[in-house]
Amino acid sequence: MKTPSLLKNAYLSIYISHSFLCANLAYTNKSSGKSYFLKDKTFLPNNLETFTNSEIVEYWLNYFKTLEKKWNWKLLQKPKVSEGNLKVDFLSFKSEGFGTAGCKISVSKNNVNYERIFESLRRFSLSIKIVGVSKDTDQELLGKFANSIGYDDVLLLDLHSRFFKVARVEKKENMPKKNLSNIHLLDYEHNHLKVHWGDVRELLKLLNAGKYKTFLSKHIPSNLMSNVWGNFLQSPVFRTDSELLRDFVRAYITIQLLSLCSDNPGIARDFAVKPGKNLLWLTGDLIEIPEFKELLIAIIDGLQLRGTFDIVLDTNSLIYTFGKAFCSGEKSDEIFLTKETFLPKFTMVLAPDIDLKPDNRKAVFHGALFSRKDKSIDVFAMSSEITQITIRDPESMYLEGRFVKNAYLEKYRKGFEFHCLQDGIAWEKIVLDCRIKPVTYGTNIRANNIKFNMWLSGEHYS
């Protein structure tokens, strides 16, 4: 096996999920200090199963040509015809913008066309490394990933319109009786579940369920509601300006997570309240549709979270494309990636217990955001609100603060100081969810609208 260059290299990795393709090309140049990702994301054709063998090979050829054009990066050699079949090889990496040291395509086994995709890619090019993504590979990857970034509890949510996957690894201490030298050996306990909701007709039935309307905050006539939701399921998008669709998706995520946790109570039990570092990693085709605070509400209320945790929106499926390479470090057979290059920006979430009545609103957090370059900014958070603090320059900024009487967070009983760049990890936001727990929704859509206006009215500091 050829060892990739640690000085200068490029590698193409693609993840084919339940519904879309995510392509990431990683480039590193140690001598110039330049490292970056080129990214692309697109939905799979709805009728892929109807493609003939020649049509699906042509689809892959056009897909890679589109990447070349978008990125201005030469990838493919001139296609050849062998025994009547089109064959494609990749250009070897020479310099920035030309070639790649390799191409890997990871295909989710949850994709209904998994075998067809696998076979068509093999016909398209023998130089592509094709791997399947399954429960076993998820567990192995998450355990190594948690260890690589120094986290004790990592919860992965892979959220799609017709499919949810939840995977979790928790650090445990094993003390084998026969080998006392391993008394501090650390291992990870795994938990995993997935749910598939079937066709559009089945999902549209949710609109007639009373529990769905319980979580909506935007009023819309029932007939229009079916049209908006049905159109999205038939022609999905990654982002939208439609407040109605954002509200649908937020409510949908909340309901489905509540249902998952009700049927599988151990999947998120004690997450963020136990000692240690906790990370919630989000990916999938739904996570960019709601606004960030709206998505956070869906996740926190769906999993019924409180405590302290970090959250990452992996909008380009980096965990699946380059997670293994990152964990392998210099031993990777693909490309060497540092934390600074691989990891997206983090958000820290503080969700304290508030001992107040919902109508008794008062400041429950006081603090200041300091910078070695600018003046400090006083910050505070009110009960029944979600307050967001934006970190413009993680390298130079840190937060000092304390929760006051009636607000309680186990990890921060006293005043604390949090630096926004630690061990190669940068935080871009700090969010304080100071809503009264357990969170309750209104008796109707209008009541929910009032509650959401209050929850989202928290101060925004930047």
Protein backbone atom coordinates (compact mmCIF):
# COMPACT_ATOMS: atom_id res chain seq x y z
CA MET A 1 0.00 0.00 0.00
CA LYS A 2 1.42 3.36 -1.04
CA THR A 3 1.85 5.86 1.79
CA PRO A 4 0.44 9.31 0.92
CA SER A 5 2.74 12.31 0.93
CA LEU A 6 2.67 14.28 4.18
CA LEU A 7 4.02 17.37 2.40
CA LYS A 8 1.53 17.85 -0.44
CA ASN A 9 -1.46 15.75 -1.37
CA ALA A 10 -5.07 15.68 -2.62
CA TYR A 11 -7.69 13.00 -2.11
CA LEU A 12 -11.32 12.68 -3.26
CA SER A 13 -13.85 11.05 -0.95
CA ILE A 14 -17.58 10.74 -1.64
CA TYR A 15 -20.39 9.62 0.64
CA ILE A 16 -23.64 8.28 -0.84
CA SER A 17 -26.30 8.48 1.84
CA HIS A 18 -29.90 7.43 1.96
CA SER A 19 -30.85 10.28 -0.37
CA PHE A 20 -27.86 12.35 -1.55
CA LEU A 21 -24.21 12.43 -2.58
CA CYS A 22 -21.60 14.44 -0.69
CA ALA A 23 -18.23 14.92 -2.41
CA ASN A 24 -15.24 16.34 -0.55
CA LEU A 25 -11.81 16.85 -2.05
CA ALA A 26 -9.12 17.43 0.57
CA TYR A 27 -5.95 19.31 -0.36
CA THR A 28 -2.97 19.87 1.91
CA ASN A 29 0.37 21.57 1.28
CA LYS A 30 2.58 21.61 4.35
CA SER A 31 5.27 23.86 2.86
CA SER A 32 2.79 26.64 1.98
CA GLY A 33 0.57 26.04 5.01
CA LYS A 34 -2.46 25.67 2.74
CA SER A 35 -5.15 23.10 3.59
CA TYR A 36 -8.78 23.09 2.54
CA PHE A 37 -11.79 21.11 1.36
CA LEU A 38 -13.66 21.49 -1.92
CA LYS A 39 -17.26 20.44 -1.34
CA ASP A 40 -20.35 19.50 -3.32
CA LYS A 41 -23.72 18.11 -2.30
CA THR A 42 -26.56 16.96 -4.55
CA PHE A 43 -29.61 14.72 -4.29
CA LEU A 44 -29.65 11.31 -5.95
CA PRO A 45 -32.10 10.82 -8.83
CA ASN A 46 -35.50 9.60 -7.59
CA ASN A 47 -35.67 7.06 -10.40
CA LEU A 48 -32.17 5.61 -10.11
CA GLU A 49 -33.54 2.05 -10.00
CA THR A 50 -34.97 2.51 -13.51
CA PHE A 51 -31.59 3.42 -15.09
CA THR A 52 -30.10 0.93 -17.54
CA ASN A 53 -26.48 -0.13 -17.04
CA SER A 54 -25.26 2.29 -19.69
CA GLU A 55 -27.41 5.13 -18.30
CA ILE A 56 -26.07 4.79 -14.78
CA VAL A 57 -22.46 4.69 -16.01
CA GLU A 58 -23.18 7.83 -18.04
CA TYR A 59 -24.65 9.38 -14.88
CA TRP A 60 -21.41 8.81 -12.97
CA LEU A 61 -19.33 10.23 -15.82
CA ASN A 62 -21.44 13.40 -15.92
CA TYR A 63 -21.30 13.66 -12.14
CA PHE A 64 -17.50 13.66 -12.03
CA LYS A 65 -17.32 16.09 -14.96
CA THR A 66 -19.60 18.42 -12.98
CA LEU A 67 -17.22 18.24 -10.02
CA GLU A 68 -14.28 19.05 -12.29
CA LYS A 69 -16.05 22.12 -13.63
CA LYS A 70 -17.31 23.35 -10.26
CA TRP A 71 -13.96 22.95 -8.52
CA ASN A 72 -11.75 23.78 -11.52
CA TRP A 73 -9.83 20.60 -10.74
CA LYS A 74 -8.83 17.95 -13.29
CA LEU A 75 -9.86 14.50 -12.05
CA LEU A 76 -10.49 12.11 -14.95
CA GLN A 77 -8.39 10.60 -17.69
CA LYS A 78 -9.98 10.34 -21.10
CA PRO A 79 -12.67 7.62 -20.91
CA LYS A 80 -11.91 4.32 -22.67
CA VAL A 81 -14.19 1.68 -24.17
CA SER A 82 -13.34 -1.89 -23.15
CA GLU A 83 -15.44 -4.84 -24.38
CA GLY A 84 -18.21 -2.44 -25.21
CA ASN A 85 -18.19 -0.84 -21.74
CA LEU A 86 -17.06 2.65 -20.78
CA LYS A 87 -14.12 2.63 -18.34
CA VAL A 88 -12.68 5.63 -16.51
CA ASP A 89 -9.44 6.12 -14.56
CA PHE A 90 -8.41 9.06 -12.39
CA LEU A 91 -5.47 11.35 -13.04
CA SER A 92 -2.61 10.93 -10.59
CA PHE A 93 -2.03 13.86 -8.28
CA LYS A 94 0.63 16.28 -9.50
CA SER A 95 -0.24 19.70 -8.13
CA GLU A 96 -3.06 21.85 -6.84
CA GLY A 97 -5.89 21.61 -9.35
CA PHE A 98 -4.60 18.48 -11.08
CA GLY A 99 -5.28 14.87 -10.16
CA THR A 100 -5.86 13.02 -6.93
CA ALA A 101 -3.96 10.45 -4.91
CA GLY A 102 -7.09 8.33 -4.85
CA CYS A 103 -10.87 8.22 -4.84
CA LYS A 104 -13.01 6.51 -2.20
CA ILE A 105 -16.79 6.22 -2.32
CA SER A 106 -18.61 5.18 0.85
CA VAL A 107 -22.15 3.90 0.24
CA SER A 108 -24.72 3.71 3.03
CA LYS A 109 -26.27 0.27 3.26
CA ASN A 110 -29.50 2.04 4.18
CA ASN A 111 -29.81 3.18 0.57
CA VAL A 112 -32.45 1.02 -1.14
CA ASN A 113 -30.26 0.96 -4.28
CA TYR A 114 -27.08 -0.02 -2.41
CA GLU A 115 -26.22 -3.07 -4.50
CA ARG A 116 -27.04 -1.33 -7.77
CA ILE A 117 -24.87 1.66 -6.87
CA PHE A 118 -22.01 -0.58 -5.77
CA GLU A 119 -22.06 -2.63 -8.98
CA SER A 120 -22.38 0.41 -11.27
CA LEU A 121 -19.42 2.15 -9.66
CA ARG A 122 -17.32 -0.99 -10.12
CA ARG A 123 -18.24 -1.04 -13.82
CA PHE A 124 -17.51 2.68 -14.12
CA SER A 125 -13.96 2.56 -12.72
CA LEU A 126 -11.80 -0.12 -11.16
CA SER A 127 -9.62 2.55 -9.54
CA ILE A 128 -12.37 3.67 -7.13
CA LYS A 129 -12.19 2.28 -3.60
CA ILE A 130 -15.80 1.38 -2.69
CA VAL A 131 -16.82 0.67 0.90
CA GLY A 132 -20.14 0.05 2.63
CA VAL A 133 -21.32 2.08 5.62
CA SER A 134 -23.15 -0.03 8.20
CA LYS A 135 -23.81 -0.30 11.92
CA ASP A 136 -20.45 -2.00 12.49
CA THR A 137 -18.46 0.62 10.56
CA ASP A 138 -20.34 3.41 12.38
CA GLN A 139 -19.41 1.99 15.76
CA GLU A 140 -15.75 1.51 14.87
CA LEU A 141 -15.50 4.99 13.37
CA LEU A 142 -17.27 6.77 16.24
CA GLY A 143 -15.14 5.05 18.88
CA LYS A 144 -11.90 6.05 17.14
CA PHE A 145 -13.24 9.54 16.45
CA ALA A 146 -14.26 10.15 20.08
CA ASN A 147 -10.82 9.04 21.21
CA SER A 148 -9.04 11.20 18.60
CA ILE A 149 -10.77 14.41 19.70
CA GLY A 150 -10.78 13.57 23.42
CA TYR A 151 -14.55 13.26 24.05
CA ASP A 152 -16.18 10.88 26.50
CA ASP A 153 -19.64 10.67 24.93
CA VAL A 154 -20.42 11.19 21.23
CA LEU A 155 -23.98 11.05 19.88
CA LEU A 156 -24.41 10.98 16.08
CA LEU A 157 -27.74 11.97 14.53
CA ASP A 158 -28.13 11.29 10.81
CA LEU A 159 -31.43 12.98 9.90
CA HIS A 160 -33.22 12.49 6.58
CA SER A 161 -36.77 13.08 5.44
CA ARG A 162 -37.54 9.35 5.33
CA PHE A 163 -34.83 7.90 7.53
CA PHE A 164 -33.25 8.62 10.95
CA LYS A 165 -30.13 7.01 12.33
CA VAL A 166 -28.82 7.44 15.87
CA ALA A 167 -25.44 6.10 17.00
CA ARG A 168 -23.69 6.69 20.31
CA VAL A 169 -20.37 5.80 21.93
CA GLU A 170 -19.70 6.28 25.64
CA LYS A 171 -16.31 5.90 27.25
CA LYS A 172 -16.08 3.19 29.89
CA GLU A 173 -13.24 2.08 32.15
CA ASN A 174 -12.43 -1.64 32.00
CA MET A 175 -10.43 -3.23 34.75
CA PRO A 176 -9.49 -6.79 33.69
CA LYS A 177 -8.78 -8.88 36.79
CA LYS A 178 -6.03 -10.90 35.13
CA ASN A 179 -3.97 -7.94 33.95
CA LEU A 180 -3.64 -5.14 36.49
CA SER A 181 -1.38 -3.18 34.11
CA ASN A 182 -4.50 -2.47 32.05
CA ILE A 183 -6.42 -1.01 34.97
CA HIS A 184 -6.81 2.35 33.18
CA LEU A 185 -7.59 0.88 29.77
CA LEU A 186 -10.40 2.88 28.17
CA ASP A 187 -13.05 1.47 25.91
CA TYR A 188 -16.30 2.69 24.38
CA GLU A 189 -19.78 1.27 24.80
CA HIS A 190 -21.88 1.44 21.64
CA ASN A 191 -25.57 2.05 21.04
CA HIS A 192 -27.23 2.21 17.64
CA LEU A 193 -30.68 2.41 16.07
CA LYS A 194 -32.27 3.35 12.78
CA VAL A 195 -35.82 3.90 11.60
CA HIS A 196 -37.14 4.04 8.05
CA TRP A 197 -40.56 5.63 7.51
CA GLY A 198 -41.30 4.34 4.05
CA ASP A 199 -43.03 6.13 1.22
CA VAL A 200 -44.48 9.61 0.82
CA ARG A 201 -48.01 8.39 1.52
CA GLU A 202 -46.99 7.09 4.94
CA LEU A 203 -45.25 10.36 5.84
CA LEU A 204 -48.20 12.46 4.71
CA LYS A 205 -50.32 10.64 7.29
CA LEU A 206 -48.33 12.50 9.93
CA LEU A 207 -50.10 15.69 8.92
CA ASN A 208 -53.40 14.26 10.11
CA ALA A 209 -51.96 13.19 13.44
CA GLY A 210 -52.80 15.48 16.34
CA LYS A 211 -49.31 15.19 17.80
CA TYR A 212 -47.81 16.78 14.67
CA LYS A 213 -49.95 19.89 14.93
CA THR A 214 -49.06 20.08 18.62
CA PHE A 215 -45.52 21.13 17.66
CA LEU A 216 -46.24 23.52 14.79
CA SER A 217 -45.88 27.27 15.35
CA LYS A 218 -47.04 28.58 11.94
CA HIS A 219 -50.70 28.52 10.95
CA ILE A 220 -51.53 27.13 7.51
CA PRO A 221 -54.75 25.64 6.06
CA SER A 222 -54.74 21.82 6.08
CA ASN A 223 -54.93 21.49 2.28
CA LEU A 224 -51.94 23.80 1.75
CA MET A 225 -50.05 22.00 4.52
CA SER A 226 -50.29 18.72 2.58
CA ASN A 227 -49.08 20.42 -0.60
CA VAL A 228 -46.02 22.04 1.01
CA TRP A 229 -44.97 18.88 2.84
CA GLY A 230 -45.75 16.56 -0.07
CA ASN A 231 -43.82 18.72 -2.56
CA PHE A 232 -40.81 18.68 -0.26
CA LEU A 233 -40.86 14.89 0.03
CA GLN A 234 -41.10 14.50 -3.74
CA SER A 235 -38.56 17.24 -4.57
CA PRO A 236 -36.34 17.74 -1.50
CA VAL A 237 -34.05 20.74 -0.96
CA PHE A 238 -31.13 21.33 1.39
CA ARG A 239 -32.12 24.92 2.25
CA THR A 240 -35.26 27.01 1.99
CA ASP A 241 -36.60 30.52 2.56
CA SER A 242 -40.06 29.14 3.33
CA GLU A 243 -40.97 29.71 6.99
CA LEU A 244 -43.71 27.11 6.65
CA LEU A 245 -41.35 24.38 5.44
CA ARG A 246 -38.81 25.27 8.13
CA ASP A 247 -41.56 24.94 10.73
CA PHE A 248 -42.69 21.59 9.30
CA VAL A 249 -39.18 20.15 9.34
CA ARG A 250 -38.47 21.41 12.87
CA ALA A 251 -41.71 19.84 14.15
CA TYR A 252 -40.99 16.64 12.20
CA ILE A 253 -37.51 16.26 13.73
CA THR A 254 -38.91 16.89 17.22
CA ILE A 255 -41.69 14.32 16.88
CA GLN A 256 -39.54 11.60 15.38
CA LEU A 257 -36.81 12.00 18.01
CA LEU A 258 -39.38 11.92 20.81
CA SER A 259 -40.79 8.73 19.33
CA LEU A 260 -37.33 7.16 18.99
CA CYS A 261 -36.42 7.98 22.58
CA SER A 262 -39.78 6.71 23.85
CA ASP A 263 -39.24 3.37 22.13
CA ASN A 264 -35.49 3.26 22.96
CA PRO A 265 -35.03 5.18 26.23
CA GLY A 266 -31.35 4.27 26.56
CA ILE A 267 -30.23 5.92 23.33
CA ALA A 268 -29.82 9.42 24.81
CA ARG A 269 -30.15 8.71 28.54
CA ASP A 270 -27.94 10.94 30.71
CA PHE A 271 -26.29 12.50 27.65
CA ALA A 272 -24.80 15.88 28.61
CA VAL A 273 -25.47 15.50 32.35
CA LYS A 274 -22.73 12.99 33.20
CA PRO A 275 -19.20 14.23 33.95
CA GLY A 276 -16.95 14.45 30.93
CA LYS A 277 -16.97 15.97 27.47
CA ASN A 278 -20.09 15.42 25.38
CA LEU A 279 -20.50 15.95 21.63
CA LEU A 280 -23.62 15.89 19.46
CA TRP A 281 -22.69 15.42 15.80
CA LEU A 282 -25.48 16.22 13.29
CA THR A 283 -25.56 15.24 9.64
CA GLY A 284 -28.19 14.42 7.03
CA ASP A 285 -30.33 16.27 4.48
CA LEU A 286 -32.61 18.00 7.04
CA ILE A 287 -30.15 19.88 9.22
CA GLU A 288 -29.82 23.07 7.13
CA ILE A 289 -33.53 23.64 6.59
CA PRO A 290 -34.49 25.12 9.99
CA GLU A 291 -32.62 28.17 11.28
CA PHE A 292 -29.90 27.18 13.76
CA LYS A 293 -31.91 28.06 16.88
CA GLU A 294 -34.97 26.29 15.47
CA LEU A 295 -32.91 23.16 14.82
CA LEU A 296 -31.45 23.36 18.30
CA ILE A 297 -34.95 23.49 19.79
CA ALA A 298 -35.94 20.40 17.78
CA ILE A 299 -32.90 18.44 18.95
CA ILE A 300 -33.04 19.50 22.61
CA ASP A 301 -36.79 18.94 22.91
CA GLY A 302 -36.80 15.75 20.83
CA LEU A 303 -34.02 14.18 22.92
CA GLN A 304 -35.15 16.04 26.08
CA LEU A 305 -31.63 17.26 26.76
CA ARG A 306 -30.28 19.36 29.58
CA GLY A 307 -26.76 19.95 30.85
CA THR A 308 -23.65 20.81 28.83
CA PHE A 309 -22.64 19.57 25.41
CA ASP A 310 -20.99 20.65 22.18
CA ILE A 311 -22.77 20.42 18.86
CA VAL A 312 -21.48 20.27 15.28
CA LEU A 313 -23.46 20.65 12.06
CA ASP A 314 -21.64 18.42 9.59
CA THR A 315 -23.41 19.71 6.50
CA ASN A 316 -21.02 17.95 4.10
CA SER A 317 -20.80 14.52 5.77
CA LEU A 318 -17.11 14.92 6.64
CA ILE A 319 -17.49 12.24 9.32
CA TYR A 320 -18.18 9.69 6.56
CA THR A 321 -15.83 10.97 3.86
CA PHE A 322 -12.68 11.74 5.87
CA GLY A 323 -13.43 10.61 9.44
CA LYS A 324 -11.31 7.48 9.10
CA ALA A 325 -8.40 9.37 7.53
CA PHE A 326 -8.49 11.95 10.32
CA CYS A 327 -8.47 9.27 13.03
CA SER A 328 -5.57 7.45 11.35
CA GLY A 329 -3.38 10.55 11.40
CA GLU A 330 -0.03 10.10 9.68
CA LYS A 331 -0.77 6.38 9.22
CA SER A 332 -3.69 7.14 6.89
CA ASP A 333 -3.49 5.57 3.43
CA GLU A 334 -5.58 8.48 2.05
CA ILE A 335 -4.42 11.87 3.35
CA PHE A 336 -3.12 13.34 6.60
CA LEU A 337 -5.60 15.79 8.20
CA THR A 338 -5.11 17.84 11.34
CA LYS A 339 -7.90 18.90 13.70
CA GLU A 340 -7.66 22.43 12.35
CA THR A 341 -8.24 21.19 8.79
CA PHE A 342 -10.81 18.47 9.39
CA LEU A 343 -13.09 19.65 12.20
CA PRO A 344 -15.95 22.06 11.48
CA LYS A 345 -16.58 24.84 14.01
CA PHE A 346 -18.18 23.76 17.30
CA THR A 347 -21.03 25.30 19.30
CA MET A 348 -21.16 24.95 23.08
CA VAL A 349 -24.66 24.54 24.53
CA LEU A 350 -25.46 25.26 28.18
CA ALA A 351 -28.95 24.10 29.22
CA PRO A 352 -29.33 24.67 32.98
CA ASP A 353 -32.21 23.68 35.21
CA ILE A 354 -34.23 26.80 36.05
CA ASP A 355 -36.14 26.93 39.33
CA LEU A 356 -38.67 29.57 38.34
CA LYS A 357 -42.26 29.70 37.20
CA PRO A 358 -42.62 30.25 33.43
CA ASP A 359 -44.15 33.71 33.89
CA ASN A 360 -41.38 34.85 36.26
CA ARG A 361 -38.74 36.01 33.79
CA LYS A 362 -35.42 37.19 35.15
CA ALA A 363 -31.71 37.18 34.34
CA VAL A 364 -30.19 33.79 35.20
CA PHE A 365 -26.70 34.27 33.71
CA HIS A 366 -24.25 37.15 33.86
CA GLY A 367 -20.90 37.24 32.10
CA ALA A 368 -18.52 38.97 29.73
CA LEU A 369 -16.98 38.04 26.42
CA PHE A 370 -13.32 39.05 26.42
CA SER A 371 -10.93 39.47 23.52
CA ARG A 372 -7.22 40.13 23.36
CA LYS A 373 -7.93 42.38 20.36
CA ASP A 374 -11.18 44.24 21.18
CA LYS A 375 -13.15 45.58 24.12
CA SER A 376 -15.05 43.14 26.31
CA ILE A 377 -18.81 42.70 25.84
CA ASP A 378 -21.18 42.21 28.77
CA VAL A 379 -23.60 39.32 28.20
CA PHE A 380 -26.60 38.02 30.07
CA ALA A 381 -29.35 35.44 29.59
CA MET A 382 -32.97 35.56 30.64
CA SER A 383 -35.12 32.65 31.77
CA SER A 384 -37.52 31.28 29.11
CA GLU A 385 -35.17 32.42 26.34
CA ILE A 386 -32.41 30.97 24.18
CA THR A 387 -29.42 33.30 24.05
CA GLN A 388 -26.75 33.02 21.37
CA ILE A 389 -23.23 34.40 21.65
CA THR A 390 -21.29 34.50 18.38
CA ILE A 391 -17.51 34.12 18.55
CA ARG A 392 -15.89 36.19 15.81
CA ASP A 393 -12.30 35.21 16.59
CA PRO A 394 -12.01 31.96 18.60
CA GLU A 395 -8.24 32.26 18.89
CA SER A 396 -8.41 35.51 20.88
CA MET A 397 -11.75 35.26 22.70
CA TYR A 398 -12.96 33.70 25.94
CA LEU A 399 -16.12 33.84 28.05
CA GLU A 400 -16.29 34.43 31.78
CA GLY A 401 -19.59 34.12 33.59
CA ARG A 402 -21.74 32.57 36.26
CA PHE A 403 -25.27 31.34 36.70
CA VAL A 404 -27.18 33.21 39.37
CA LYS A 405 -29.73 32.01 41.92
CA ASN A 406 -32.54 29.87 40.46
CA ALA A 407 -30.30 28.53 37.66
CA TYR A 408 -28.29 25.33 38.13
CA LEU A 409 -25.78 23.51 35.97
CA GLU A 410 -23.78 20.69 37.55
CA LYS A 411 -20.59 21.31 35.57
CA TYR A 412 -20.54 25.04 36.31
CA ARG A 413 -21.73 25.46 39.89
CA LYS A 414 -19.42 28.42 40.32
CA GLY A 415 -18.08 31.04 37.95
CA PHE A 416 -16.24 29.69 34.93
CA GLU A 417 -13.87 30.74 32.18
CA PHE A 418 -14.17 29.17 28.73
CA HIS A 419 -11.55 29.67 26.02
CA CYS A 420 -12.96 29.43 22.49
CA LEU A 421 -9.95 27.64 21.02
CA GLN A 422 -8.69 24.53 22.81
CA ASP A 423 -6.55 21.64 21.55
CA GLY A 424 -7.17 22.45 17.90
CA ILE A 425 -10.96 22.77 18.34
CA ALA A 426 -12.56 26.17 17.66
CA TRP A 427 -15.98 27.26 18.94
CA GLU A 428 -18.03 29.68 16.82
CA LYS A 429 -21.04 30.00 19.14
CA ILE A 430 -22.05 29.64 22.77
CA VAL A 431 -25.78 29.05 23.30
CA LEU A 432 -27.61 29.25 26.62
CA ASP A 433 -30.97 27.46 26.63
CA CYS A 434 -32.58 28.97 29.71
CA ARG A 435 -36.10 27.70 29.08
CA ILE A 436 -37.93 26.15 32.01
CA LYS A 437 -37.47 22.35 32.02
CA PRO A 438 -39.30 20.23 31.14
CA VAL A 439 -40.23 22.31 28.10
CA THR A 440 -43.96 22.42 27.39
CA TYR A 441 -45.66 23.39 24.14
CA GLY A 442 -48.92 25.30 23.78
CA THR A 443 -52.44 23.94 23.40
CA ASN A 444 -52.62 25.09 19.77
CA ILE A 445 -50.54 26.62 16.97
CA ARG A 446 -51.23 30.18 18.10
CA ALA A 447 -50.01 29.40 21.63
CA ASN A 448 -46.88 27.78 20.18
CA ASN A 449 -46.24 30.86 18.07
CA ILE A 450 -46.25 33.00 21.21
CA LYS A 451 -43.88 30.61 22.96
CA PHE A 452 -41.47 30.49 20.03
CA ASN A 453 -41.37 34.26 19.79
CA MET A 454 -40.39 34.33 23.46
CA TRP A 455 -37.86 31.49 23.21
CA LEU A 456 -36.15 32.98 20.16
CA SER A 457 -36.10 36.55 21.48
CA GLY A 458 -32.95 35.99 23.53
CA GLU A 459 -30.14 38.50 23.07
CA HIS A 460 -27.71 37.87 20.23
CA TYR A 461 -24.13 38.90 21.01
CA SER A 462 -21.34 39.10 18.47
